Amino acid sequence: MADGRRVRLDNAMILEHGGKRPTIDPGARIAPNATICGDVTIGAGTSVGFGAVLTAESGPVRVGRDCVIMDTAVIRGVRGHPAYLGDGVMVGPRAYLSGCEVGDHAFLATGTTVFNGARIGVRAMVRINAIVHVNTVLSEDAVVPLNWVAVGDPAVILSPDRDEEIWTVQAGLDFPGTVFGVARPEPGKSYMPDVMPRYARALARHRGDIELD
């Protein structure tokens, strides 16, 4: 039908951000009340579910063909860390992906969290509520069990009760520098008073977003 593309995008929030507009293949499905913001590219056959958010905050988002982004998932691209999903990727409901690369046919289950700089290999499976930490590299066909944590390059996969071991690896992955661009503070000090005002100002740029027809 001639206006099929308009019907598929009707009531979705499609926004220009920072002078850049989403590029959505006519063969993609975008649910009403999904939000697509800024420099986001969505490939043919991909489905973006209800309440999902794909936002190019300060870096692009690229989603390949035939992906399924389920309801309320969030995918963010940030400066220095674009969000890239290959073809045939599954992103479950409530998943949160920021500045990461996901290989073809990977499966990211409900509640998955993937941090900036992480790379997930082809056909990898990250199960319900599992975490792939900042700058972690998960090999192809790897499996992160329910609630477990993948951390390091190459990834070590640990149960959540092994917090000290997780921290020992994670401390060397530079979460503050990767995510906020600051050094890790000395014991008893916090980077939050400096970082949060700057972060809030950066996000306030969304006040200039333009809703597109």
C-alpha atoms as a PDB file:
ATOM      1  CA  MET A   1       0.000   0.000   0.000  1.00  0.00           C
ATOM      2  CA  ALA A   2       1.286   3.415  -0.973  1.00  0.00           C
ATOM      3  CA  ASP A   3       1.275   4.901   2.532  1.00  0.00           C
ATOM      4  CA  GLY A   4       2.524   1.767   4.310  1.00  0.00           C
ATOM      5  CA  ARG A   5       5.639   3.485   5.615  1.00  0.00           C
ATOM      6  CA  ARG A   6       3.542   6.256   7.162  1.00  0.00           C
ATOM      7  CA  VAL A   7       1.245   3.729   8.811  1.00  0.00           C
ATOM      8  CA  ARG A   8       4.178   1.857  10.374  1.00  0.00           C
ATOM      9  CA  LEU A   9       5.646   5.071  11.825  1.00  0.00           C
ATOM     10  CA  ASP A  10       2.339   6.606  12.898  1.00  0.00           C
ATOM     11  CA  ASN A  11       2.475   7.692  16.572  1.00  0.00           C
ATOM     12  CA  ALA A  12       6.117   6.664  17.013  1.00  0.00           C
ATOM     13  CA  MET A  13       8.346   9.458  18.286  1.00  0.00           C
ATOM     14  CA  ILE A  14      10.861  10.133  15.503  1.00  0.00           C
ATOM     15  CA  LEU A  15      13.234  12.935  16.484  1.00  0.00           C
ATOM     16  CA  GLU A  16      15.993  14.966  14.905  1.00  0.00           C
ATOM     17  CA  HIS A  17      18.793  15.442  17.435  1.00  0.00           C
ATOM     18  CA  GLY A  18      21.885  17.562  16.962  1.00  0.00           C
ATOM     19  CA  GLY A  19      20.923  18.187  13.342  1.00  0.00           C
ATOM     20  CA  LYS A  20      20.805  14.450  12.517  1.00  0.00           C
ATOM     21  CA  ARG A  21      17.730  12.409  11.628  1.00  0.00           C
ATOM     22  CA  PRO A  22      17.001   8.694  11.839  1.00  0.00           C
ATOM     23  CA  THR A  23      17.221   6.557   8.706  1.00  0.00           C
ATOM     24  CA  ILE A  24      14.593   3.816   8.840  1.00  0.00           C
ATOM     25  CA  ASP A  25      14.283   1.245   6.090  1.00  0.00           C
ATOM     26  CA  PRO A  26      10.723   1.089   4.683  1.00  0.00           C
ATOM     27  CA  GLY A  27      10.700  -2.625   5.476  1.00  0.00           C
ATOM     28  CA  ALA A  28      11.238  -2.043   9.221  1.00  0.00           C
ATOM     29  CA  ARG A  29       8.428  -2.024  11.773  1.00  0.00           C
ATOM     30  CA  ILE A  30       8.442   0.697  14.427  1.00  0.00           C
ATOM     31  CA  ALA A  31       5.766   0.345  17.120  1.00  0.00           C
ATOM     32  CA  PRO A  32       3.588   3.237  18.207  1.00  0.00           C
ATOM     33  CA  ASN A  33       5.177   4.907  21.280  1.00  0.00           C
ATOM     34  CA  ALA A  34       8.683   3.717  20.369  1.00  0.00           C
ATOM     35  CA  THR A  35      11.249   6.541  20.290  1.00  0.00           C
ATOM     36  CA  ILE A  36      13.926   6.839  17.596  1.00  0.00           C
ATOM     37  CA  CYS A  37      16.204   9.827  18.162  1.00  0.00           C
ATOM     38  CA  GLY A  38      19.043  11.304  16.122  1.00  0.00           C
ATOM     39  CA  ASP A  39      21.690   9.483  14.088  1.00  0.00           C
ATOM     40  CA  VAL A  40      19.985   6.069  14.143  1.00  0.00           C
ATOM     41  CA  THR A  41      19.911   3.647  11.207  1.00  0.00           C
ATOM     42  CA  ILE A  42      17.500   0.697  11.214  1.00  0.00           C
ATOM     43  CA  GLY A  43      17.744  -2.033   8.612  1.00  0.00           C
ATOM     44  CA  ALA A  44      15.135  -3.870   6.570  1.00  0.00           C
ATOM     45  CA  GLY A  45      12.939  -6.383   8.351  1.00  0.00           C
ATOM     46  CA  THR A  46      13.852  -5.154  11.823  1.00  0.00           C
ATOM     47  CA  SER A  47      11.080  -4.794  14.413  1.00  0.00           C
ATOM     48  CA  VAL A  48      11.225  -2.184  17.194  1.00  0.00           C
ATOM     49  CA  GLY A  49       8.678  -2.896  19.925  1.00  0.00           C
ATOM     50  CA  PHE A  50       6.388  -0.840  22.119  1.00  0.00           C
ATOM     51  CA  GLY A  51       8.133   1.649  24.372  1.00  0.00           C
ATOM     52  CA  ALA A  52      11.599   0.865  23.022  1.00  0.00           C
ATOM     53  CA  VAL A  53      14.109   3.727  22.826  1.00  0.00           C
ATOM     54  CA  LEU A  54      16.929   3.984  20.283  1.00  0.00           C
ATOM     55  CA  THR A  55      18.817   7.207  20.879  1.00  0.00           C
ATOM     56  CA  ALA A  56      22.023   8.553  19.378  1.00  0.00           C
ATOM     57  CA  GLU A  57      23.004  10.734  22.352  1.00  0.00           C
ATOM     58  CA  SER A  58      26.476  11.745  21.180  1.00  0.00           C
ATOM     59  CA  GLY A  59      27.303   8.795  18.929  1.00  0.00           C
ATOM     60  CA  PRO A  60      25.431   6.836  16.254  1.00  0.00           C
ATOM     61  CA  VAL A  61      23.217   3.777  16.571  1.00  0.00           C
ATOM     62  CA  ARG A  62      23.318   1.209  13.767  1.00  0.00           C
ATOM     63  CA  VAL A  63      20.894  -1.719  13.708  1.00  0.00           C
ATOM     64  CA  GLY A  64      21.164  -4.318  10.979  1.00  0.00           C
ATOM     65  CA  ARG A  65      18.567  -6.362   9.130  1.00  0.00           C
ATOM     66  CA  ASP A  66      15.982  -8.690  10.656  1.00  0.00           C
ATOM     67  CA  CYS A  67      16.660  -7.733  14.272  1.00  0.00           C
ATOM     68  CA  VAL A  68      14.016  -7.812  17.002  1.00  0.00           C
ATOM     69  CA  ILE A  69      14.203  -5.017  19.566  1.00  0.00           C
ATOM     70  CA  MET A  70      11.534  -5.943  22.083  1.00  0.00           C
ATOM     71  CA  ASP A  71       9.280  -3.757  24.220  1.00  0.00           C
ATOM     72  CA  THR A  72      10.967  -1.188  26.528  1.00  0.00           C
ATOM     73  CA  ALA A  73      14.516  -2.049  25.438  1.00  0.00           C
ATOM     74  CA  VAL A  74      16.965   0.875  25.332  1.00  0.00           C
ATOM     75  CA  ILE A  75      19.883   1.224  22.905  1.00  0.00           C
ATOM     76  CA  ARG A  76      22.168   4.286  23.209  1.00  0.00           C
ATOM     77  CA  GLY A  77      25.066   5.498  21.097  1.00  0.00           C
ATOM     78  CA  VAL A  78      27.611   7.712  22.862  1.00  0.00           C
ATOM     79  CA  ARG A  79      30.739   9.664  21.928  1.00  0.00           C
ATOM     80  CA  GLY A  80      33.574   7.287  21.136  1.00  0.00           C
ATOM     81  CA  HIS A  81      31.280   4.278  21.498  1.00  0.00           C
ATOM     82  CA  PRO A  82      28.648   3.867  18.788  1.00  0.00           C
ATOM     83  CA  ALA A  83      26.000   1.228  19.340  1.00  0.00           C
ATOM     84  CA  TYR A  84      26.228  -1.352  16.565  1.00  0.00           C
ATOM     85  CA  LEU A  85      23.991  -4.401  16.139  1.00  0.00           C
ATOM     86  CA  GLY A  86      24.623  -6.828  13.326  1.00  0.00           C
ATOM     87  CA  ASP A  87      21.948  -8.790  11.464  1.00  0.00           C
ATOM     88  CA  GLY A  88      19.431 -11.082  13.115  1.00  0.00           C
ATOM     89  CA  VAL A  89      20.078  -9.877  16.673  1.00  0.00           C
ATOM     90  CA  MET A  90      17.505 -10.375  19.436  1.00  0.00           C
ATOM     91  CA  VAL A  91      17.278  -7.725  22.186  1.00  0.00           C
ATOM     92  CA  GLY A  92      14.827  -8.696  24.910  1.00  0.00           C
ATOM     93  CA  PRO A  93      12.422  -6.518  26.868  1.00  0.00           C
ATOM     94  CA  ARG A  94      13.993  -4.238  29.495  1.00  0.00           C
ATOM     95  CA  ALA A  95      17.446  -4.766  28.022  1.00  0.00           C
ATOM     96  CA  TYR A  96      19.826  -1.794  28.216  1.00  0.00           C
ATOM     97  CA  LEU A  97      22.660  -1.448  25.700  1.00  0.00           C
ATOM     98  CA  SER A  98      25.017   1.537  25.721  1.00  0.00           C
ATOM     99  CA  GLY A  99      27.865   2.132  23.289  1.00  0.00           C
ATOM    100  CA  CYS A 100      28.488  -1.527  22.484  1.00  0.00           C
ATOM    101  CA  GLU A 101      28.978  -3.776  19.459  1.00  0.00           C
ATOM    102  CA  VAL A 102      26.840  -6.886  19.011  1.00  0.00           C
ATOM    103  CA  GLY A 103      27.664  -9.509  16.400  1.00  0.00           C
ATOM    104  CA  ASP A 104      25.237 -11.196  14.013  1.00  0.00           C
ATOM    105  CA  HIS A 105      22.616 -13.531  15.490  1.00  0.00           C
ATOM    106  CA  ALA A 106      23.463 -12.784  19.113  1.00  0.00           C
ATOM    107  CA  PHE A 107      20.699 -13.269  21.680  1.00  0.00           C
ATOM    108  CA  LEU A 108      20.397 -10.720  24.495  1.00  0.00           C
ATOM    109  CA  ALA A 109      17.613 -11.828  26.814  1.00  0.00           C
ATOM    110  CA  THR A 110      15.209  -9.937  29.065  1.00  0.00           C
ATOM    111  CA  GLY A 111      16.924  -7.442  31.351  1.00  0.00           C
ATOM    112  CA  THR A 112      20.361  -7.783  29.770  1.00  0.00           C
ATOM    113  CA  THR A 113      22.769  -4.908  30.477  1.00  0.00           C
ATOM    114  CA  VAL A 114      25.698  -4.198  28.150  1.00  0.00           C
ATOM    115  CA  PHE A 115      28.055  -1.321  28.923  1.00  0.00           C
ATOM    116  CA  ASN A 116      30.157   1.070  26.831  1.00  0.00           C
ATOM    117  CA  GLY A 117      33.005  -0.434  24.854  1.00  0.00           C
ATOM    118  CA  ALA A 118      31.756  -4.009  25.192  1.00  0.00           C
ATOM    119  CA  ARG A 119      31.933  -6.307  22.166  1.00  0.00           C
ATOM    120  CA  ILE A 120      29.677  -9.340  21.895  1.00  0.00           C
ATOM    121  CA  GLY A 121      30.594 -12.049  19.436  1.00  0.00           C
ATOM    122  CA  VAL A 122      28.545 -13.709  16.739  1.00  0.00           C
ATOM    123  CA  ARG A 123      25.854 -16.073  18.087  1.00  0.00           C
ATOM    124  CA  ALA A 124      26.707 -15.250  21.719  1.00  0.00           C
ATOM    125  CA  MET A 125      23.903 -15.617  24.252  1.00  0.00           C
ATOM    126  CA  VAL A 126      23.489 -13.293  27.225  1.00  0.00           C
ATOM    127  CA  ARG A 127      20.703 -14.724  29.358  1.00  0.00           C
ATOM    128  CA  ILE A 128      18.094 -13.057  31.589  1.00  0.00           C
ATOM    129  CA  ASN A 129      19.412 -10.173  33.730  1.00  0.00           C
ATOM    130  CA  ALA A 130      23.035 -10.952  32.872  1.00  0.00           C
ATOM    131  CA  ILE A 131      25.649  -8.168  32.560  1.00  0.00           C
ATOM    132  CA  VAL A 132      28.432  -7.583  30.050  1.00  0.00           C
ATOM    133  CA  HIS A 133      30.685  -5.024  31.707  1.00  0.00           C
ATOM    134  CA  VAL A 134      32.458  -1.998  30.272  1.00  0.00           C
ATOM    135  CA  ASN A 135      35.168  -2.781  27.661  1.00  0.00           C
ATOM    136  CA  THR A 136      34.483  -6.508  27.953  1.00  0.00           C
ATOM    137  CA  VAL A 137      34.989  -8.778  24.942  1.00  0.00           C
ATOM    138  CA  LEU A 138      32.682 -11.788  24.745  1.00  0.00           C
ATOM    139  CA  SER A 139      33.732 -14.394  22.196  1.00  0.00           C
ATOM    140  CA  GLU A 140      31.502 -15.871  19.531  1.00  0.00           C
ATOM    141  CA  ASP A 141      29.135 -18.587  20.780  1.00  0.00           C
ATOM    142  CA  ALA A 142      29.808 -17.596  24.403  1.00  0.00           C
ATOM    143  CA  VAL A 143      27.018 -17.949  26.989  1.00  0.00           C
ATOM    144  CA  VAL A 144      26.527 -15.723  30.033  1.00  0.00           C
ATOM    145  CA  PRO A 145      24.130 -17.547  32.410  1.00  0.00           C
ATOM    146  CA  LEU A 146      21.136 -15.990  34.158  1.00  0.00           C
ATOM    147  CA  ASN A 147      22.221 -13.105  36.418  1.00  0.00           C
ATOM    148  CA  TRP A 148      25.923 -13.745  35.818  1.00  0.00           C
ATOM    149  CA  VAL A 149      28.536 -11.136  34.883  1.00  0.00           C
ATOM    150  CA  ALA A 150      30.963 -11.148  31.954  1.00  0.00           C
ATOM    151  CA  VAL A 151      33.966  -8.932  32.648  1.00  0.00           C
ATOM    152  CA  GLY A 152      37.359  -8.427  31.009  1.00  0.00           C
ATOM    153  CA  ASP A 153      39.123  -8.874  27.669  1.00  0.00           C
ATOM    154  CA  PRO A 154      38.817 -11.752  27.049  1.00  0.00           C
ATOM    155  CA  ALA A 155      35.741 -12.102  29.223  1.00  0.00           C
ATOM    156  CA  VAL A 156      35.737 -13.964  32.492  1.00  0.00           C
ATOM    157  CA  ILE A 157      32.190 -15.135  33.312  1.00  0.00           C
ATOM    158  CA  LEU A 158      31.397 -15.089  37.024  1.00  0.00           C
ATOM    159  CA  SER A 159      28.379 -15.611  39.261  1.00  0.00           C
ATOM    160  CA  PRO A 160      27.081 -12.463  41.011  1.00  0.00           C
ATOM    161  CA  ASP A 161      28.116 -13.686  44.473  1.00  0.00           C
ATOM    162  CA  ARG A 162      31.793 -13.403  43.434  1.00  0.00           C
ATOM    163  CA  ASP A 163      31.790  -9.636  43.729  1.00  0.00           C
ATOM    164  CA  GLU A 164      35.418  -9.286  44.819  1.00  0.00           C
ATOM    165  CA  GLU A 165      36.643 -11.242  41.800  1.00  0.00           C
ATOM    166  CA  ILE A 166      34.404  -9.218  39.485  1.00  0.00           C
ATOM    167  CA  TRP A 167      35.708  -5.983  40.975  1.00  0.00           C
ATOM    168  CA  THR A 168      39.336  -7.113  40.690  1.00  0.00           C
ATOM    169  CA  VAL A 169      38.907  -7.474  36.914  1.00  0.00           C
ATOM    170  CA  GLN A 170      36.519  -4.544  36.462  1.00  0.00           C
ATOM    171  CA  ALA A 171      38.809  -2.093  38.265  1.00  0.00           C
ATOM    172  CA  GLY A 172      41.280  -2.343  35.385  1.00  0.00           C
ATOM    173  CA  LEU A 173      38.646  -1.699  32.700  1.00  0.00           C
ATOM    174  CA  ASP A 174      38.348   2.025  33.515  1.00  0.00           C
ATOM    175  CA  PHE A 175      34.620   2.500  33.961  1.00  0.00           C
ATOM    176  CA  PRO A 176      34.964   6.194  34.993  1.00  0.00           C
ATOM    177  CA  GLY A 177      37.159   7.051  32.008  1.00  0.00           C
ATOM    178  CA  THR A 178      35.130   5.067  29.504  1.00  0.00           C
ATOM    179  CA  VAL A 179      31.699   6.269  30.592  1.00  0.00           C
ATOM    180  CA  PHE A 180      32.354   9.731  32.035  1.00  0.00           C
ATOM    181  CA  GLY A 181      35.814  10.714  30.785  1.00  0.00           C
ATOM    182  CA  VAL A 182      37.286  11.153  34.269  1.00  0.00           C
ATOM    183  CA  ALA A 183      39.899   9.448  36.415  1.00  0.00           C
ATOM    184  CA  ARG A 184      38.873   7.107  39.194  1.00  0.00           C
ATOM    185  CA  PRO A 185      38.749   9.148  42.412  1.00  0.00           C
ATOM    186  CA  GLU A 186      40.907   8.533  45.449  1.00  0.00           C
ATOM    187  CA  PRO A 187      39.341   6.537  48.291  1.00  0.00           C
ATOM    188  CA  GLY A 188      36.835   8.642  50.182  1.00  0.00           C
ATOM    189  CA  LYS A 189      36.218  10.957  47.230  1.00  0.00           C
ATOM    190  CA  SER A 190      33.658  10.931  44.421  1.00  0.00           C
ATOM    191  CA  TYR A 191      33.595  12.105  40.833  1.00  0.00           C
ATOM    192  CA  MET A 192      29.824  12.601  41.004  1.00  0.00           C
ATOM    193  CA  PRO A 193      29.827  16.324  41.978  1.00  0.00           C
ATOM    194  CA  ASP A 194      31.871  17.121  38.861  1.00  0.00           C
ATOM    195  CA  VAL A 195      30.376  14.600  36.467  1.00  0.00           C
ATOM    196  CA  MET A 196      26.643  14.875  37.104  1.00  0.00           C
ATOM    197  CA  PRO A 197      26.214  18.596  36.279  1.00  0.00           C
ATOM    198  CA  ARG A 198      28.178  18.107  33.056  1.00  0.00           C
ATOM    199  CA  TYR A 199      26.192  14.999  32.171  1.00  0.00           C
ATOM    200  CA  ALA A 200      22.884  16.752  32.865  1.00  0.00           C
ATOM    201  CA  ARG A 201      23.902  19.664  30.624  1.00  0.00           C
ATOM    202  CA  ALA A 202      24.772  17.264  27.821  1.00  0.00           C
ATOM    203  CA  LEU A 203      21.397  15.523  28.077  1.00  0.00           C
ATOM    204  CA  ALA A 204      19.654  18.906  28.154  1.00  0.00           C
ATOM    205  CA  ARG A 205      20.564  19.245  24.475  1.00  0.00           C
ATOM    206  CA  HIS A 206      17.473  17.137  23.854  1.00  0.00           C
ATOM    207  CA  ARG A 207      15.468  20.297  24.497  1.00  0.00           C
ATOM    208  CA  GLY A 208      16.380  21.238  20.935  1.00  0.00           C
ATOM    209  CA  ASP A 209      15.113  17.980  19.399  1.00  0.00           C
ATOM    210  CA  ILE A 210      12.640  18.322  16.552  1.00  0.00           C
ATOM    211  CA  GLU A 211       9.768  15.887  16.149  1.00  0.00           C
ATOM    212  CA  LEU A 212       9.516  14.674  12.555  1.00  0.00           C
ATOM    213  CA  ASP A 213       6.390  13.756  10.625  1.00  0.00           C
END
